PDB file of N, CA and C in Angstrom:
ATOM      1  N   MET A   1      29.013  87.736  13.314  1.00  0.00           N
ATOM      2  CA  MET A   1      28.613  88.990  12.683  1.00  0.00           C
ATOM      3  C   MET A   1      29.569  89.291  11.536  1.00  0.00           C
ATOM      4  N   SER A   2      29.020  89.676  10.424  1.00  0.00           N
ATOM      5  CA  SER A   2      29.816  89.935   9.234  1.00  0.00           C
ATOM      6  C   SER A   2      30.474  91.310   9.295  1.00  0.00           C
ATOM      7  N   VAL A   3      31.659  91.389   8.748  1.00  0.00           N
ATOM      8  CA  VAL A   3      32.394  92.651   8.720  1.00  0.00           C
ATOM      9  C   VAL A   3      32.010  93.492   7.494  1.00  0.00           C
ATOM     10  N   TRP A   4      31.301  92.902   6.532  1.00  0.00           N
ATOM     11  CA  TRP A   4      30.992  93.604   5.289  1.00  0.00           C
ATOM     12  C   TRP A   4      30.111  94.829   5.477  1.00  0.00           C
ATOM     13  N   PRO A   5      29.111  94.801   6.361  1.00  0.00           N
ATOM     14  CA  PRO A   5      28.363  96.054   6.574  1.00  0.00           C
ATOM     15  C   PRO A   5      29.247  97.178   7.101  1.00  0.00           C
ATOM     16  N   THR A   6      30.207  96.844   7.946  1.00  0.00           N
ATOM     17  CA  THR A   6      31.127  97.865   8.464  1.00  0.00           C
ATOM     18  C   THR A   6      31.990  98.414   7.342  1.00  0.00           C
ATOM     19  N   ILE A   7      32.494  97.550   6.485  1.00  0.00           N
ATOM     20  CA  ILE A   7      33.320  97.990   5.360  1.00  0.00           C
ATOM     21  C   ILE A   7      32.503  98.885   4.429  1.00  0.00           C
ATOM     22  N   ALA A   8      31.265  98.487   4.165  1.00  0.00           N
ATOM     23  CA  ALA A   8      30.411  99.301   3.297  1.00  0.00           C
ATOM     24  C   ALA A   8      30.148 100.664   3.922  1.00  0.00           C
ATOM     25  N   LEU A   9      29.885 100.699   5.226  1.00  0.00           N
ATOM     26  CA  LEU A   9      29.640 101.971   5.904  1.00  0.00           C
ATOM     27  C   LEU A   9      30.875 102.865   5.874  1.00  0.00           C
ATOM     28  N   VAL A  10      32.045 102.288   6.124  1.00  0.00           N
ATOM     29  CA  VAL A  10      33.283 103.069   6.087  1.00  0.00           C
ATOM     30  C   VAL A  10      33.518 103.622   4.675  1.00  0.00           C
ATOM     31  N   ALA A  11      33.256 102.801   3.662  1.00  0.00           N
ATOM     32  CA  ALA A  11      33.428 103.263   2.281  1.00  0.00           C
ATOM     33  C   ALA A  11      32.465 104.409   1.975  1.00  0.00           C
ATOM     34  N   LEU A  12      31.209 104.278   2.387  1.00  0.00           N
ATOM     35  CA  LEU A  12      30.237 105.340   2.130  1.00  0.00           C
ATOM     36  C   LEU A  12      30.604 106.631   2.848  1.00  0.00           C
ATOM     37  N   VAL A  13      31.036 106.521   4.097  1.00  0.00           N
ATOM     38  CA  VAL A  13      31.432 107.721   4.839  1.00  0.00           C
ATOM     39  C   VAL A  13      32.641 108.375   4.179  1.00  0.00           C
ATOM     40  N   THR A  14      33.598 107.572   3.744  1.00  0.00           N
ATOM     41  CA  THR A  14      34.782 108.109   3.073  1.00  0.00           C
ATOM     42  C   THR A  14      34.392 108.832   1.783  1.00  0.00           C
ATOM     43  N   PHE A  15      33.530 108.207   0.973  1.00  0.00           N
ATOM     44  CA  PHE A  15      33.078 108.858  -0.259  1.00  0.00           C
ATOM     45  C   PHE A  15      32.339 110.157   0.055  1.00  0.00           C
ATOM     46  N   ALA A  16      31.504 110.136   1.080  1.00  0.00           N
ATOM     47  CA  ALA A  16      30.750 111.343   1.438  1.00  0.00           C
ATOM     48  C   ALA A  16      31.685 112.461   1.895  1.00  0.00           C
ATOM     49  N   ILE A  17      32.641 112.100   2.725  1.00  0.00           N
ATOM     50  CA  ILE A  17      33.575 113.108   3.229  1.00  0.00           C
ATOM     51  C   ILE A  17      34.361 113.727   2.079  1.00  0.00           C
ATOM     52  N   LYS A  18      34.822 112.887   1.161  1.00  0.00           N
ATOM     53  CA  LYS A  18      35.613 113.406   0.050  1.00  0.00           C
ATOM     54  C   LYS A  18      34.751 114.162  -0.959  1.00  0.00           C
ATOM     55  N   GLY A  19      33.450 113.905  -0.989  1.00  0.00           N
ATOM     56  CA  GLY A  19      32.577 114.576  -1.950  1.00  0.00           C
ATOM     57  C   GLY A  19      31.985 115.877  -1.458  1.00  0.00           C
ATOM     58  N   VAL A  20      31.956 116.079  -0.139  1.00  0.00           N
ATOM     59  CA  VAL A  20      31.338 117.283   0.412  1.00  0.00           C
ATOM     60  C   VAL A  20      32.104 118.535   0.007  1.00  0.00           C
ATOM     61  N   GLY A  21      33.409 118.498   0.070  1.00  0.00           N
ATOM     62  CA  GLY A  21      34.218 119.672  -0.269  1.00  0.00           C
ATOM     63  C   GLY A  21      33.970 120.174  -1.677  1.00  0.00           C
ATOM     64  N   PRO A  22      34.151 119.324  -2.697  1.00  0.00           N
ATOM     65  CA  PRO A  22      33.894 119.790  -4.061  1.00  0.00           C
ATOM     66  C   PRO A  22      32.439 120.210  -4.292  1.00  0.00           C
ATOM     67  N   ALA A  23      31.500 119.535  -3.639  1.00  0.00           N
ATOM     68  CA  ALA A  23      30.094 119.888  -3.834  1.00  0.00           C
ATOM     69  C   ALA A  23      29.797 121.275  -3.268  1.00  0.00           C
ATOM     70  N   LEU A  24      30.383 121.601  -2.129  1.00  0.00           N
ATOM     71  CA  LEU A  24      30.122 122.896  -1.501  1.00  0.00           C
ATOM     72  C   LEU A  24      30.950 124.027  -2.096  1.00  0.00           C
ATOM     73  N   LEU A  25      32.170 123.736  -2.506  1.00  0.00           N
ATOM     74  CA  LEU A  25      33.067 124.792  -2.978  1.00  0.00           C
ATOM     75  C   LEU A  25      32.980 125.055  -4.475  1.00  0.00           C
ATOM     76  N   GLY A  26      32.500 124.095  -5.241  1.00  0.00           N
ATOM     77  CA  GLY A  26      32.426 124.272  -6.684  1.00  0.00           C
ATOM     78  C   GLY A  26      33.816 124.374  -7.294  1.00  0.00           C
ATOM     79  N   ASP A  27      34.088 125.477  -8.002  1.00  0.00           N
ATOM     80  CA  ASP A  27      35.377 125.652  -8.666  1.00  0.00           C
ATOM     81  C   ASP A  27      36.429 126.317  -7.785  1.00  0.00           C
ATOM     82  N   ARG A  28      36.031 126.781  -6.616  1.00  0.00           N
ATOM     83  CA  ARG A  28      36.997 127.418  -5.714  1.00  0.00           C
ATOM     84  C   ARG A  28      37.927 126.365  -5.115  1.00  0.00           C
ATOM     85  N   PRO A  29      39.189 126.692  -4.913  1.00  0.00           N
ATOM     86  CA  PRO A  29      40.110 125.717  -4.331  1.00  0.00           C
ATOM     87  C   PRO A  29      39.825 125.482  -2.847  1.00  0.00           C
ATOM     88  N   LEU A  30      40.046 124.283  -2.412  1.00  0.00           N
ATOM     89  CA  LEU A  30      39.872 123.923  -1.004  1.00  0.00           C
ATOM     90  C   LEU A  30      41.026 124.507  -0.206  1.00  0.00           C
ATOM     91  N   PRO A  31      40.748 125.117   0.938  1.00  0.00           N
ATOM     92  CA  PRO A  31      41.846 125.659   1.751  1.00  0.00           C
ATOM     93  C   PRO A  31      42.859 124.567   2.114  1.00  0.00           C
ATOM     94  N   ALA A  32      44.123 124.939   2.243  1.00  0.00           N
ATOM     95  CA  ALA A  32      45.190 123.972   2.490  1.00  0.00           C
ATOM     96  C   ALA A  32      44.979 123.197   3.787  1.00  0.00           C
ATOM     97  N   SER A  33      44.461 123.851   4.818  1.00  0.00           N
ATOM     98  CA  SER A  33      44.246 123.146   6.093  1.00  0.00           C
ATOM     99  C   SER A  33      43.203 122.042   5.935  1.00  0.00           C
ATOM    100  N   PHE A  34      42.148 122.286   5.153  1.00  0.00           N
ATOM    101  CA  PHE A  34      41.141 121.255   4.910  1.00  0.00           C
ATOM    102  C   PHE A  34      41.688 120.130   4.051  1.00  0.00           C
ATOM    103  N   THR A  35      42.519 120.458   3.091  1.00  0.00           N
ATOM    104  CA  THR A  35      43.104 119.437   2.225  1.00  0.00           C
ATOM    105  C   THR A  35      43.924 118.444   3.037  1.00  0.00           C
ATOM    106  N   ARG A  36      44.722 118.956   3.968  1.00  0.00           N
ATOM    107  CA  ARG A  36      45.537 118.064   4.811  1.00  0.00           C
ATOM    108  C   ARG A  36      44.659 117.136   5.640  1.00  0.00           C
ATOM    109  N   VAL A  37      43.567 117.656   6.165  1.00  0.00           N
ATOM    110  CA  VAL A  37      42.667 116.834   6.985  1.00  0.00           C
ATOM    111  C   VAL A  37      41.979 115.779   6.134  1.00  0.00           C
ATOM    112  N   VAL A  38      41.464 116.156   4.985  1.00  0.00           N
ATOM    113  CA  VAL A  38      40.753 115.217   4.119  1.00  0.00           C
ATOM    114  C   VAL A  38      41.678 114.089   3.670  1.00  0.00           C
ATOM    115  N   LEU A  39      42.926 114.413   3.375  1.00  0.00           N
ATOM    116  CA  LEU A  39      43.872 113.387   2.944  1.00  0.00           C
ATOM    117  C   LEU A  39      44.183 112.384   4.055  1.00  0.00           C
ATOM    118  N   LEU A  40      44.036 112.790   5.298  1.00  0.00           N
ATOM    119  CA  LEU A  40      44.345 111.898   6.418  1.00  0.00           C
ATOM    120  C   LEU A  40      43.143 111.094   6.904  1.00  0.00           C
ATOM    121  N   LEU A  41      41.946 111.421   6.473  1.00  0.00           N
ATOM    122  CA  LEU A  41      40.758 110.728   6.962  1.00  0.00           C
ATOM    123  C   LEU A  41      40.687 109.268   6.515  1.00  0.00           C
ATOM    124  N   ALA A  42      40.923 108.991   5.248  1.00  0.00           N
ATOM    125  CA  ALA A  42      40.823 107.614   4.766  1.00  0.00           C
ATOM    126  C   ALA A  42      41.844 106.692   5.439  1.00  0.00           C
ATOM    127  N   PRO A  43      43.123 107.079   5.554  1.00  0.00           N
ATOM    128  CA  PRO A  43      44.051 106.199   6.275  1.00  0.00           C
ATOM    129  C   PRO A  43      43.674 106.002   7.738  1.00  0.00           C
ATOM    130  N   ALA A  44      43.128 107.041   8.366  1.00  0.00           N
ATOM    131  CA  ALA A  44      42.728 106.909   9.771  1.00  0.00           C
ATOM    132  C   ALA A  44      41.565 105.926   9.911  1.00  0.00           C
ATOM    133  N   LEU A  45      40.593 106.008   9.014  1.00  0.00           N
ATOM    134  CA  LEU A  45      39.477 105.074   9.053  1.00  0.00           C
ATOM    135  C   LEU A  45      39.936 103.647   8.768  1.00  0.00           C
ATOM    136  N   LEU A  46      40.841 103.486   7.818  1.00  0.00           N
ATOM    137  CA  LEU A  46      41.373 102.150   7.526  1.00  0.00           C
ATOM    138  C   LEU A  46      42.139 101.594   8.711  1.00  0.00           C
ATOM    139  N   ALA A  47      42.941 102.420   9.358  1.00  0.00           N
ATOM    140  CA  ALA A  47      43.686 101.975  10.540  1.00  0.00           C
ATOM    141  C   ALA A  47      42.747 101.548  11.651  1.00  0.00           C
ATOM    142  N   ALA A  48      41.675 102.305  11.857  1.00  0.00           N
ATOM    143  CA  ALA A  48      40.699 101.943  12.888  1.00  0.00           C
ATOM    144  C   ALA A  48      40.042 100.605  12.567  1.00  0.00           C
ATOM    145  N   LEU A  49      39.728 100.383  11.307  1.00  0.00           N
ATOM    146  CA  LEU A  49      39.124  99.117  10.899  1.00  0.00           C
ATOM    147  C   LEU A  49      40.084  97.948  11.114  1.00  0.00           C
ATOM    148  N   VAL A  50      41.336  98.130  10.747  1.00  0.00           N
ATOM    149  CA  VAL A  50      42.333  97.066  10.935  1.00  0.00           C
ATOM    150  C   VAL A  50      42.520  96.755  12.411  1.00  0.00           C
ATOM    151  N   ILE A  51      42.640  97.779  13.231  1.00  0.00           N
ATOM    152  CA  ILE A  51      42.868  97.564  14.665  1.00  0.00           C
ATOM    153  C   ILE A  51      41.680  96.866  15.308  1.00  0.00           C
ATOM    154  N   THR A  52      40.469  97.303  14.992  1.00  0.00           N
ATOM    155  CA  THR A  52      39.308  96.667  15.611  1.00  0.00           C
ATOM    156  C   THR A  52      39.154  95.218  15.173  1.00  0.00           C
ATOM    157  N   ASN A  53      39.516  94.907  13.941  1.00  0.00           N
ATOM    158  CA  ASN A  53      39.429  93.522  13.490  1.00  0.00           C
ATOM    159  C   ASN A  53      40.570  92.671  14.022  1.00  0.00           C
ATOM    160  N   ALA A  54      41.728  93.267  14.256  1.00  0.00           N
ATOM    161  CA  ALA A  54      42.871  92.507  14.743  1.00  0.00           C
ATOM    162  C   ALA A  54      42.813  92.285  16.255  1.00  0.00           C
ATOM    163  N   ALA A  55      42.110  93.142  16.981  1.00  0.00           N
ATOM    164  CA  ALA A  55      42.127  93.059  18.434  1.00  0.00           C
ATOM    165  C   ALA A  55      40.798  92.626  19.035  1.00  0.00           C
ATOM    166  N   ALA A  56      39.862  92.145  18.217  1.00  0.00           N
ATOM    167  CA  ALA A  56      38.575  91.716  18.757  1.00  0.00           C
ATOM    168  C   ALA A  56      38.105  90.463  18.034  1.00  0.00           C
ATOM    169  N   ASP A  57      37.351  89.630  18.759  1.00  0.00           N
ATOM    170  CA  ASP A  57      36.819  88.415  18.148  1.00  0.00           C
ATOM    171  C   ASP A  57      35.328  88.523  17.855  1.00  0.00           C
ATOM    172  N   GLY A  58      34.774  89.699  17.958  1.00  0.00           N
ATOM    173  CA  GLY A  58      33.367  89.926  17.671  1.00  0.00           C
ATOM    174  C   GLY A  58      32.582  90.351  18.893  1.00  0.00           C
ATOM    175  N   THR A  59      32.966  89.853  20.062  1.00  0.00           N
ATOM    176  CA  THR A  59      32.237  90.209  21.280  1.00  0.00           C
ATOM    177  C   THR A  59      33.129  90.815  22.352  1.00  0.00           C
ATOM    178  N   ARG A  60      34.424  90.543  22.300  1.00  0.00           N
ATOM    179  CA  ARG A  60      35.339  91.058  23.324  1.00  0.00           C
ATOM    180  C   ARG A  60      36.729  91.236  22.718  1.00  0.00           C
ATOM    181  N   VAL A  61      37.583  91.919  23.455  1.00  0.00           N
ATOM    182  CA  VAL A  61      38.959  92.102  23.001  1.00  0.00           C
ATOM    183  C   VAL A  61      39.674  90.764  23.075  1.00  0.00           C
ATOM    184  N   GLN A  62      40.306  90.381  21.991  1.00  0.00           N
ATOM    185  CA  GLN A  62      41.004  89.097  21.916  1.00  0.00           C
ATOM    186  C   GLN A  62      42.365  89.328  21.265  1.00  0.00           C
ATOM    187  N   ILE A  63      43.401  89.324  22.082  1.00  0.00           N
ATOM    188  CA  ILE A  63      44.751  89.471  21.564  1.00  0.00           C
ATOM    189  C   ILE A  63      45.297  88.074  21.311  1.00  0.00           C
ATOM    190  N   GLY A  64      45.734  87.830  20.088  1.00  0.00           N
ATOM    191  CA  GLY A  64      46.217  86.504  19.748  1.00  0.00           C
ATOM    192  C   GLY A  64      47.255  86.557  18.638  1.00  0.00           C
ATOM    193  N   ALA A  65      47.352  85.474  17.924  1.00  0.00           N
ATOM    194  CA  ALA A  65      48.351  85.355  16.862  1.00  0.00           C
ATOM    195  C   ALA A  65      48.109  86.364  15.742  1.00  0.00           C
ATOM    196  N   ASP A  66      46.852  86.582  15.395  1.00  0.00           N
ATOM    197  CA  ASP A  66      46.575  87.538  14.320  1.00  0.00           C
ATOM    198  C   ASP A  66      46.965  88.959  14.716  1.00  0.00           C
ATOM    199  N   THR A  67      46.773  89.295  15.991  1.00  0.00           N
ATOM    200  CA  THR A  67      47.186  90.616  16.475  1.00  0.00           C
ATOM    201  C   THR A  67      48.703  90.757  16.405  1.00  0.00           C
ATOM    202  N   ALA A  68      49.403  89.691  16.769  1.00  0.00           N
ATOM    203  CA  ALA A  68      50.867  89.712  16.679  1.00  0.00           C
ATOM    204  C   ALA A  68      51.316  89.844  15.222  1.00  0.00           C
ATOM    205  N   GLY A  69      50.616  89.191  14.308  1.00  0.00           N
ATOM    206  CA  GLY A  69      50.940  89.305  12.888  1.00  0.00           C
ATOM    207  C   GLY A  69      50.773  90.729  12.380  1.00  0.00           C
ATOM    208  N   VAL A  70      49.707  91.393  12.817  1.00  0.00           N
ATOM    209  CA  VAL A  70      49.491  92.793  12.430  1.00  0.00           C
ATOM    210  C   VAL A  70      50.587  93.679  13.018  1.00  0.00           C
ATOM    211  N   ALA A  71      50.980  93.395  14.262  1.00  0.00           N
ATOM    212  CA  ALA A  71      52.053  94.174  14.894  1.00  0.00           C
ATOM    213  C   ALA A  71      53.373  93.984  14.149  1.00  0.00           C
ATOM    214  N   VAL A  72      53.673  92.751  13.757  1.00  0.00           N
ATOM    215  CA  VAL A  72      54.892  92.479  12.982  1.00  0.00           C
ATOM    216  C   VAL A  72      54.852  93.254  11.667  1.00  0.00           C
ATOM    217  N   ALA A  73      53.710  93.225  10.996  1.00  0.00           N
ATOM    218  CA  ALA A  73      53.577  93.949   9.730  1.00  0.00           C
ATOM    219  C   ALA A  73      53.779  95.450   9.934  1.00  0.00           C
ATOM    220  N   GLY A  74      53.201  95.989  10.993  1.00  0.00           N
ATOM    221  CA  GLY A  74      53.359  97.417  11.264  1.00  0.00           C
ATOM    222  C   GLY A  74      54.799  97.812  11.499  1.00  0.00           C
ATOM    223  N   VAL A  75      55.511  97.008  12.283  1.00  0.00           N
ATOM    224  CA  VAL A  75      56.923  97.306  12.560  1.00  0.00           C
ATOM    225  C   VAL A  75      57.739  97.233  11.274  1.00  0.00           C
ATOM    226  N   LEU A  76      57.495  96.204  10.473  1.00  0.00           N
ATOM    227  CA  LEU A  76      58.248  96.062   9.224  1.00  0.00           C
ATOM    228  C   LEU A  76      57.964  97.211   8.260  1.00  0.00           C
ATOM    229  N   LEU A  77      56.709  97.625   8.181  1.00  0.00           N
ATOM    230  CA  LEU A  77      56.381  98.752   7.302  1.00  0.00           C
ATOM    231  C   LEU A  77      57.035 100.041   7.776  1.00  0.00           C
ATOM    232  N   LEU A  78      57.076 100.235   9.094  1.00  0.00           N
ATOM    233  CA  LEU A  78      57.757 101.422   9.629  1.00  0.00           C
ATOM    234  C   LEU A  78      59.251 101.394   9.335  1.00  0.00           C
ATOM    235  N   ARG A  79      59.817 100.205   9.230  1.00  0.00           N
ATOM    236  CA  ARG A  79      61.244 100.075   8.947  1.00  0.00           C
ATOM    237  C   ARG A  79      61.548 100.171   7.451  1.00  0.00           C
ATOM    238  N   GLY A  80      60.510 100.307   6.622  1.00  0.00           N
ATOM    239  CA  GLY A  80      60.719 100.528   5.196  1.00  0.00           C
ATOM    240  C   GLY A  80      60.762  99.267   4.344  1.00  0.00           C
ATOM    241  N   VAL A  81      60.330  98.149   4.887  1.00  0.00           N
ATOM    242  CA  VAL A  81      60.302  96.901   4.121  1.00  0.00           C
ATOM    243  C   VAL A  81      59.150  96.977   3.121  1.00  0.00           C
ATOM    244  N   GLY A  82      59.310  96.356   1.961  1.00  0.00           N
ATOM    245  CA  GLY A  82      58.283  96.363   0.925  1.00  0.00           C
ATOM    246  C   GLY A  82      57.028  95.624   1.351  1.00  0.00           C
ATOM    247  N   VAL A  83      55.913  95.914   0.694  1.00  0.00           N
ATOM    248  CA  VAL A  83      54.622  95.374   1.095  1.00  0.00           C
ATOM    249  C   VAL A  83      54.566  93.854   0.939  1.00  0.00           C
ATOM    250  N   LEU A  84      55.027  93.313  -0.177  1.00  0.00           N
ATOM    251  CA  LEU A  84      54.951  91.865  -0.393  1.00  0.00           C
ATOM    252  C   LEU A  84      55.739  91.085   0.658  1.00  0.00           C
ATOM    253  N   PRO A  85      57.001  91.438   0.951  1.00  0.00           N
ATOM    254  CA  PRO A  85      57.697  90.719   2.023  1.00  0.00           C
ATOM    255  C   PRO A  85      57.013  90.885   3.379  1.00  0.00           C
ATOM    256  N   VAL A  86      56.431  92.041   3.631  1.00  0.00           N
ATOM    257  CA  VAL A  86      55.735  92.258   4.901  1.00  0.00           C
ATOM    258  C   VAL A  86      54.559  91.293   5.030  1.00  0.00           C
ATOM    259  N   VAL A  87      53.782  91.149   3.972  1.00  0.00           N
ATOM    260  CA  VAL A  87      52.630  90.250   4.012  1.00  0.00           C
ATOM    261  C   VAL A  87      53.083  88.816   4.265  1.00  0.00           C
ATOM    262  N   VAL A  88      54.121  88.389   3.571  1.00  0.00           N
ATOM    263  CA  VAL A  88      54.619  87.015   3.738  1.00  0.00           C
ATOM    264  C   VAL A  88      55.159  86.800   5.151  1.00  0.00           C
ATOM    265  N   ILE A  89      55.968  87.716   5.637  1.00  0.00           N
ATOM    266  CA  ILE A  89      56.567  87.568   6.973  1.00  0.00           C
ATOM    267  C   ILE A  89      55.485  87.604   8.052  1.00  0.00           C
ATOM    268  N   ALA A  90      54.515  88.494   7.929  1.00  0.00           N
ATOM    269  CA  ALA A  90      53.435  88.563   8.921  1.00  0.00           C
ATOM    270  C   ALA A  90      52.600  87.289   8.901  1.00  0.00           C
ATOM    271  N   ALA A  91      52.329  86.752   7.718  1.00  0.00           N
ATOM    272  CA  ALA A  91      51.563  85.507   7.630  1.00  0.00           C
ATOM    273  C   ALA A  91      52.329  84.343   8.258  1.00  0.00           C
ATOM    274  N   VAL A  92      53.626  84.275   8.003  1.00  0.00           N
ATOM    275  CA  VAL A  92      54.449  83.214   8.596  1.00  0.00           C
ATOM    276  C   VAL A  92      54.504  83.358  10.113  1.00  0.00           C
ATOM    277  N   ALA A  93      54.661  84.585  10.596  1.00  0.00           N
ATOM    278  CA  ALA A  93      54.690  84.814  12.043  1.00  0.00           C
ATOM    279  C   ALA A  93      53.380  84.401  12.692  1.00  0.00           C
ATOM    280  N   THR A  94      52.273  84.748  12.065  1.00  0.00           N
ATOM    281  CA  THR A  94      50.966  84.367  12.584  1.00  0.00           C
ATOM    282  C   THR A  94      50.790  82.854  12.585  1.00  0.00           C
ATOM    283  N   ALA A  95      51.194  82.199  11.494  1.00  0.00           N
ATOM    284  CA  ALA A  95      51.079  80.742  11.424  1.00  0.00           C
ATOM    285  C   ALA A  95      51.939  80.054  12.479  1.00  0.00           C
ATOM    286  N   LEU A  96      53.136  80.530  12.681  1.00  0.00           N
ATOM    287  CA  LEU A  96      54.018  79.927  13.694  1.00  0.00           C
ATOM    288  C   LEU A  96      53.450  80.107  15.109  1.00  0.00           C
ATOM    289  N   LEU A  97      52.894  81.271  15.372  1.00  0.00           N
ATOM    290  CA  LEU A  97      52.300  81.504  16.689  1.00  0.00           C
ATOM    291  C   LEU A  97      51.061  80.620  16.896  1.00  0.00           C
ATOM    292  N   ARG A  98      50.293  80.401  15.840  1.00  0.00           N
ATOM    293  CA  ARG A  98      49.136  79.500  15.967  1.00  0.00           C
ATOM    294  C   ARG A  98      49.589  78.056  16.163  1.00  0.00           C
ATOM    295  N   LEU A  99      50.665  77.676  15.480  1.00  0.00           N
ATOM    296  CA  LEU A  99      51.213  76.324  15.705  1.00  0.00           C
ATOM    297  C   LEU A  99      51.716  76.157  17.129  1.00  0.00           C
ATOM    298  N   ALA A 100      52.193  77.248  17.714  1.00  0.00           N
ATOM    299  CA  ALA A 100      52.680  77.203  19.090  1.00  0.00           C
ATOM    300  C   ALA A 100      51.544  77.188  20.106  1.00  0.00           C
ATOM    301  N   GLY A 101      50.299  77.359  19.649  1.00  0.00           N
ATOM    302  CA  GLY A 101      49.165  77.265  20.558  1.00  0.00           C
ATOM    303  C   GLY A 101      48.509  78.583  20.911  1.00  0.00           C
ATOM    304  N   LEU A 102      48.988  79.686  20.382  1.00  0.00           N
ATOM    305  CA  LEU A 102      48.360  80.978  20.656  1.00  0.00           C
ATOM    306  C   LEU A 102      47.085  81.078  19.822  1.00  0.00           C
ATOM    307  N   PRO A 103      45.980  81.491  20.437  1.00  0.00           N
ATOM    308  CA  PRO A 103      44.709  81.549  19.672  1.00  0.00           C
ATOM    309  C   PRO A 103      44.708  82.623  18.610  1.00  0.00           C
TER     310      PRO A 103
END
C-alpha cells in the first residue's frame, strides 16, 4: 500500500485547518489560544505520520532497525544536534543494525 494517499490527505487536512480561521474571521485577529493550537497541529500530524511509518510494516506493528534509527534521530534532536548530522548518524545506525540482522 502506498503512503502517498496518506501524505496527500494529511496535507489537505493541514491546509484546510490553517485556512478555516482566516476564512471565518476575515480581518479580525485570531484569539491567542486558537493561534497556539493551530501552530501545533502541523507538527503533531507530521509526528503521527513519522511514528506510524516507523513502527508499522503496512499490516502490523513492526519494530526494527528503521524504528531504532528514528529513535536515535529523536534523541539527537532533543540534545540539540544539527539536522544534517542527525540524518547521517541515524542512517548509519539503521544500516549497522540491518547488517547485524535486525529487520
